[in-house]
Amino acid sequence: MNTPWKGKTRGWLAAILAIAVVIGLLSGCAGGRGKGTAATSLDEIGEKIGQAADLKEMKKGDLKKLQKLYNIDPDAVEGFILYTSNSNVRADEWAVIQLKDPQQAENVKAGIGQRIAAQKIKFKDYRPNEFFLVENHVLKTKGSFVFFAVSQEAEQMEKAFDDAF
C-alpha cells in the first residue's frame, strides 16, 4: 500500500541529505590551510617575518654561517633562512630552519642553546641592552620548523611565524 505522504517524505529526505553532503564538502574546502599543514613553506614563513620586522640592519646568512653559529648537521636540514646583525656589537639574529625529520628538532634547539649561552657571556657586562635581547629570545618548533629570534622585534617575528601555520 503506497500512501501519498510516503513519496513526499522520501523526496524531502533525499533533498536534505544532498544539502548536507554539499555543505560538508564546501566547509571542507573553505578556510584555507589548517594548523601546521605541510603546505606551509619556508618562503611563506620568511616573507611573513620579513613583513613583521625591519631587516635593514641585518645580512642574510649561508649554510656555512648556520653551521658555525648553531653547530647543525647540514644533512638534517631541508632548508633555512638566517639573518644576523651587520655588526659584532649587536645581538640581533633570527633563523627558521626546516628539518628533514622533525625528530631532529631537539638537537637543533640544543645547538641554538649553546649559541644563546655564548652570546649571554659575550654581552653580559659589555652590552647590557643586547644581553637583555639574548635573554628574552624566542626559540620554538612547529612540525619540522625551528624558529629562533633575538631582536627587539622578536615578539612580532614570533607572531608572524605562528600566523604562517
C-alpha atoms as a PDB file:
ATOM      1  CA  MET A   1       0.000   0.000   0.000  1.00  0.00           C
ATOM      2  CA  ASN A   2       1.520   3.259  -1.140  1.00  0.00           C
ATOM      3  CA  THR A   3       0.359   6.365   0.728  1.00  0.00           C
ATOM      4  CA  PRO A   4       0.762   9.871  -0.763  1.00  0.00           C
ATOM      5  CA  TRP A   5       2.914  11.175   2.101  1.00  0.00           C
ATOM      6  CA  LYS A   6       5.447   8.318   1.814  1.00  0.00           C
ATOM      7  CA  GLY A   7       6.748   9.507  -1.605  1.00  0.00           C
ATOM      8  CA  LYS A   8       6.979  13.121  -0.439  1.00  0.00           C
ATOM      9  CA  THR A   9       8.922  12.107   2.665  1.00  0.00           C
ATOM     10  CA  ARG A  10      11.471  10.231   0.592  1.00  0.00           C
ATOM     11  CA  GLY A  11      11.891  13.260  -1.654  1.00  0.00           C
ATOM     12  CA  TRP A  12      12.454  15.546   1.332  1.00  0.00           C
ATOM     13  CA  LEU A  13      14.907  13.136   2.929  1.00  0.00           C
ATOM     14  CA  ALA A  14      16.859  12.887  -0.319  1.00  0.00           C
ATOM     15  CA  ALA A  15      16.945  16.689  -0.638  1.00  0.00           C
ATOM     16  CA  ILE A  16      18.086  17.152   2.961  1.00  0.00           C
ATOM     17  CA  LEU A  17      20.784  14.509   2.534  1.00  0.00           C
ATOM     18  CA  ALA A  18      22.013  16.146  -0.684  1.00  0.00           C
ATOM     19  CA  ILE A  19      22.174  19.559   1.017  1.00  0.00           C
ATOM     20  CA  ALA A  20      24.071  18.083   3.976  1.00  0.00           C
ATOM     21  CA  VAL A  21      26.615  16.483   1.629  1.00  0.00           C
ATOM     22  CA  VAL A  22      27.121  19.746  -0.290  1.00  0.00           C
ATOM     23  CA  ILE A  23      27.559  21.740   2.949  1.00  0.00           C
ATOM     24  CA  GLY A  24      30.065  19.176   4.214  1.00  0.00           C
ATOM     25  CA  LEU A  25      32.087  19.321   1.019  1.00  0.00           C
ATOM     26  CA  LEU A  26      32.073  23.108   0.887  1.00  0.00           C
ATOM     27  CA  SER A  27      33.074  23.510   4.524  1.00  0.00           C
ATOM     28  CA  GLY A  28      35.950  21.087   3.982  1.00  0.00           C
ATOM     29  CA  CYS A  29      37.299  23.262   1.170  1.00  0.00           C
ATOM     30  CA  ALA A  30      36.796  26.607   2.910  1.00  0.00           C
ATOM     31  CA  GLY A  31      39.086  28.169   5.440  1.00  0.00           C
ATOM     32  CA  GLY A  32      42.418  27.668   3.715  1.00  0.00           C
ATOM     33  CA  ARG A  33      45.177  25.789   5.486  1.00  0.00           C
ATOM     34  CA  GLY A  34      44.691  24.250   8.853  1.00  0.00           C
ATOM     35  CA  LYS A  35      47.205  24.466  11.682  1.00  0.00           C
ATOM     36  CA  GLY A  36      50.622  23.112  10.761  1.00  0.00           C
ATOM     37  CA  THR A  37      49.835  21.691   7.353  1.00  0.00           C
ATOM     38  CA  ALA A  38      52.643  20.647   5.062  1.00  0.00           C
ATOM     39  CA  ALA A  39      51.539  23.372   2.652  1.00  0.00           C
ATOM     40  CA  THR A  40      53.297  25.988   4.794  1.00  0.00           C
ATOM     41  CA  SER A  41      56.557  26.726   3.041  1.00  0.00           C
ATOM     42  CA  LEU A  42      59.820  28.164   4.271  1.00  0.00           C
ATOM     43  CA  ASP A  43      59.469  31.051   1.797  1.00  0.00           C
ATOM     44  CA  GLU A  44      55.993  31.910   3.137  1.00  0.00           C
ATOM     45  CA  ILE A  45      57.289  31.955   6.698  1.00  0.00           C
ATOM     46  CA  GLY A  46      60.280  34.089   5.731  1.00  0.00           C
ATOM     47  CA  GLU A  47      58.062  36.522   3.855  1.00  0.00           C
ATOM     48  CA  LYS A  48      55.724  36.925   6.834  1.00  0.00           C
ATOM     49  CA  ILE A  49      58.632  37.518   9.221  1.00  0.00           C
ATOM     50  CA  GLY A  50      60.202  39.979   6.786  1.00  0.00           C
ATOM     51  CA  GLN A  51      56.948  41.941   6.708  1.00  0.00           C
ATOM     52  CA  ALA A  52      56.718  41.939  10.511  1.00  0.00           C
ATOM     53  CA  ALA A  53      60.282  43.112  11.238  1.00  0.00           C
ATOM     54  CA  ASP A  54      62.831  45.607   9.978  1.00  0.00           C
ATOM     55  CA  LEU A  55      65.723  43.713   8.379  1.00  0.00           C
ATOM     56  CA  LYS A  56      67.712  46.729   7.113  1.00  0.00           C
ATOM     57  CA  GLU A  57      70.462  46.280   9.705  1.00  0.00           C
ATOM     58  CA  MET A  58      70.784  42.548   9.051  1.00  0.00           C
ATOM     59  CA  LYS A  59      72.512  40.361   6.496  1.00  0.00           C
ATOM     60  CA  LYS A  60      71.432  37.021   5.106  1.00  0.00           C
ATOM     61  CA  GLY A  61      73.495  34.038   6.205  1.00  0.00           C
ATOM     62  CA  ASP A  62      74.552  30.944   4.269  1.00  0.00           C
ATOM     63  CA  LEU A  63      74.907  27.273   5.224  1.00  0.00           C
ATOM     64  CA  LYS A  64      78.456  27.806   6.469  1.00  0.00           C
ATOM     65  CA  LYS A  65      77.246  30.524   8.848  1.00  0.00           C
ATOM     66  CA  LEU A  66      74.317  28.357  10.006  1.00  0.00           C
ATOM     67  CA  GLN A  67      76.718  25.524  10.850  1.00  0.00           C
ATOM     68  CA  LYS A  68      79.177  27.869  12.582  1.00  0.00           C
ATOM     69  CA  LEU A  69      76.546  29.566  14.759  1.00  0.00           C
ATOM     70  CA  TYR A  70      74.384  26.592  15.730  1.00  0.00           C
ATOM     71  CA  ASN A  71      76.536  23.510  15.069  1.00  0.00           C
ATOM     72  CA  ILE A  72      73.816  21.950  12.906  1.00  0.00           C
ATOM     73  CA  ASP A  73      74.315  18.841  10.790  1.00  0.00           C
ATOM     74  CA  PRO A  74      73.656  20.062   7.225  1.00  0.00           C
ATOM     75  CA  ASP A  75      72.253  16.638   6.281  1.00  0.00           C
ATOM     76  CA  ALA A  76      69.393  17.205   8.751  1.00  0.00           C
ATOM     77  CA  VAL A  77      68.369  20.486   7.110  1.00  0.00           C
ATOM     78  CA  GLU A  78      65.761  20.662   4.339  1.00  0.00           C
ATOM     79  CA  GLY A  79      66.093  24.438   4.049  1.00  0.00           C
ATOM     80  CA  PHE A  80      66.658  27.530   6.171  1.00  0.00           C
ATOM     81  CA  ILE A  81      66.536  31.293   6.398  1.00  0.00           C
ATOM     82  CA  LEU A  82      69.165  33.006   8.538  1.00  0.00           C
ATOM     83  CA  TYR A  83      69.708  36.678   9.243  1.00  0.00           C
ATOM     84  CA  THR A  84      72.374  38.091  11.542  1.00  0.00           C
ATOM     85  CA  SER A  85      73.373  41.592  12.575  1.00  0.00           C
ATOM     86  CA  ASN A  86      75.723  43.584  10.344  1.00  0.00           C
ATOM     87  CA  SER A  87      77.701  44.488  13.469  1.00  0.00           C
ATOM     88  CA  ASN A  88      79.548  42.391  16.059  1.00  0.00           C
ATOM     89  CA  VAL A  89      78.248  44.634  18.834  1.00  0.00           C
ATOM     90  CA  ARG A  90      74.614  43.771  18.102  1.00  0.00           C
ATOM     91  CA  ALA A  91      72.935  40.524  19.156  1.00  0.00           C
ATOM     92  CA  ASP A  92      70.154  40.616  16.548  1.00  0.00           C
ATOM     93  CA  GLU A  93      69.657  37.384  14.631  1.00  0.00           C
ATOM     94  CA  TRP A  94      66.857  35.132  13.557  1.00  0.00           C
ATOM     95  CA  ALA A  95      66.516  31.828  11.808  1.00  0.00           C
ATOM     96  CA  VAL A  96      63.862  29.484  10.529  1.00  0.00           C
ATOM     97  CA  ILE A  97      65.231  26.009   9.946  1.00  0.00           C
ATOM     98  CA  GLN A  98      63.191  23.377   8.142  1.00  0.00           C
ATOM     99  CA  LEU A  99      64.304  19.890   9.083  1.00  0.00           C
ATOM    100  CA  LYS A 100      64.063  16.747   7.002  1.00  0.00           C
ATOM    101  CA  ASP A 101      62.998  14.882  10.141  1.00  0.00           C
ATOM    102  CA  PRO A 102      61.109  16.702  12.933  1.00  0.00           C
ATOM    103  CA  GLN A 103      62.795  14.279  15.363  1.00  0.00           C
ATOM    104  CA  GLN A 104      65.986  16.342  14.869  1.00  0.00           C
ATOM    105  CA  ALA A 105      64.401  19.461  16.413  1.00  0.00           C
ATOM    106  CA  GLU A 106      65.798  18.826  19.893  1.00  0.00           C
ATOM    107  CA  ASN A 107      69.351  18.513  18.523  1.00  0.00           C
ATOM    108  CA  VAL A 108      68.931  21.791  16.634  1.00  0.00           C
ATOM    109  CA  LYS A 109      67.473  23.513  19.693  1.00  0.00           C
ATOM    110  CA  ALA A 110      70.455  22.269  21.745  1.00  0.00           C
ATOM    111  CA  GLY A 111      72.869  23.811  19.223  1.00  0.00           C
ATOM    112  CA  ILE A 112      70.951  27.083  19.353  1.00  0.00           C
ATOM    113  CA  GLY A 113      71.031  26.853  23.150  1.00  0.00           C
ATOM    114  CA  GLN A 114      74.840  26.782  23.015  1.00  0.00           C
ATOM    115  CA  ARG A 115      74.759  29.903  20.841  1.00  0.00           C
ATOM    116  CA  ILE A 116      72.468  31.633  23.334  1.00  0.00           C
ATOM    117  CA  ALA A 117      74.818  30.777  26.212  1.00  0.00           C
ATOM    118  CA  ALA A 118      77.835  32.110  24.302  1.00  0.00           C
ATOM    119  CA  GLN A 119      76.011  35.325  23.401  1.00  0.00           C
ATOM    120  CA  LYS A 120      74.984  35.867  27.022  1.00  0.00           C
ATOM    121  CA  ILE A 121      78.619  35.618  28.107  1.00  0.00           C
ATOM    122  CA  LYS A 122      79.696  37.948  25.299  1.00  0.00           C
ATOM    123  CA  PHE A 123      77.158  40.681  26.049  1.00  0.00           C
ATOM    124  CA  LYS A 124      76.557  40.376  29.807  1.00  0.00           C
ATOM    125  CA  ASP A 125      78.965  43.071  31.025  1.00  0.00           C
ATOM    126  CA  TYR A 126      79.810  44.635  27.686  1.00  0.00           C
ATOM    127  CA  ARG A 127      76.383  45.493  26.216  1.00  0.00           C
ATOM    128  CA  PRO A 128      73.540  45.125  28.756  1.00  0.00           C
ATOM    129  CA  ASN A 129      70.826  46.057  26.238  1.00  0.00           C
ATOM    130  CA  GLU A 130      71.990  43.325  23.867  1.00  0.00           C
ATOM    131  CA  PHE A 131      72.243  40.889  26.775  1.00  0.00           C
ATOM    132  CA  PHE A 132      68.587  41.654  27.567  1.00  0.00           C
ATOM    133  CA  LEU A 133      67.619  40.783  23.977  1.00  0.00           C
ATOM    134  CA  VAL A 134      69.527  37.498  24.111  1.00  0.00           C
ATOM    135  CA  GLU A 135      67.979  36.640  27.449  1.00  0.00           C
ATOM    136  CA  ASN A 136      64.485  37.292  26.024  1.00  0.00           C
ATOM    137  CA  HIS A 137      64.989  35.284  22.828  1.00  0.00           C
ATOM    138  CA  VAL A 138      62.293  33.185  21.168  1.00  0.00           C
ATOM    139  CA  LEU A 139      63.017  29.533  20.413  1.00  0.00           C
ATOM    140  CA  LYS A 140      60.208  27.215  19.341  1.00  0.00           C
ATOM    141  CA  THR A 141      59.215  24.462  16.948  1.00  0.00           C
ATOM    142  CA  LYS A 142      56.174  23.778  14.787  1.00  0.00           C
ATOM    143  CA  GLY A 143      56.249  20.498  12.930  1.00  0.00           C
ATOM    144  CA  SER A 144      59.516  20.321  11.009  1.00  0.00           C
ATOM    145  CA  PHE A 145      60.312  24.026  11.539  1.00  0.00           C
ATOM    146  CA  VAL A 146      62.529  25.517  14.259  1.00  0.00           C
ATOM    147  CA  PHE A 147      62.255  29.264  14.839  1.00  0.00           C
ATOM    148  CA  PHE A 148      64.816  31.361  16.721  1.00  0.00           C
ATOM    149  CA  ALA A 149      64.868  35.138  17.183  1.00  0.00           C
ATOM    150  CA  VAL A 150      66.926  37.637  19.155  1.00  0.00           C
ATOM    151  CA  SER A 151      65.601  41.108  18.460  1.00  0.00           C
ATOM    152  CA  GLN A 152      63.605  43.998  19.828  1.00  0.00           C
ATOM    153  CA  GLU A 153      61.029  42.768  17.321  1.00  0.00           C
ATOM    154  CA  ALA A 154      61.185  39.108  18.425  1.00  0.00           C
ATOM    155  CA  GLU A 155      57.557  39.181  19.571  1.00  0.00           C
ATOM    156  CA  GLN A 156      56.323  40.402  16.157  1.00  0.00           C
ATOM    157  CA  MET A 157      58.529  37.828  14.438  1.00  0.00           C
ATOM    158  CA  GLU A 158      57.120  35.072  16.641  1.00  0.00           C
ATOM    159  CA  LYS A 159      53.562  36.142  15.831  1.00  0.00           C
ATOM    160  CA  ALA A 160      54.391  36.130  12.106  1.00  0.00           C
ATOM    161  CA  PHE A 161      55.899  32.647  12.450  1.00  0.00           C
ATOM    162  CA  ASP A 162      52.816  31.383  14.302  1.00  0.00           C
ATOM    163  CA  ASP A 163      50.450  33.022  11.785  1.00  0.00           C
ATOM    164  CA  ALA A 164      52.159  31.202   8.919  1.00  0.00           C
ATOM    165  CA  PHE A 165      50.620  27.947  10.131  1.00  0.00           C
END
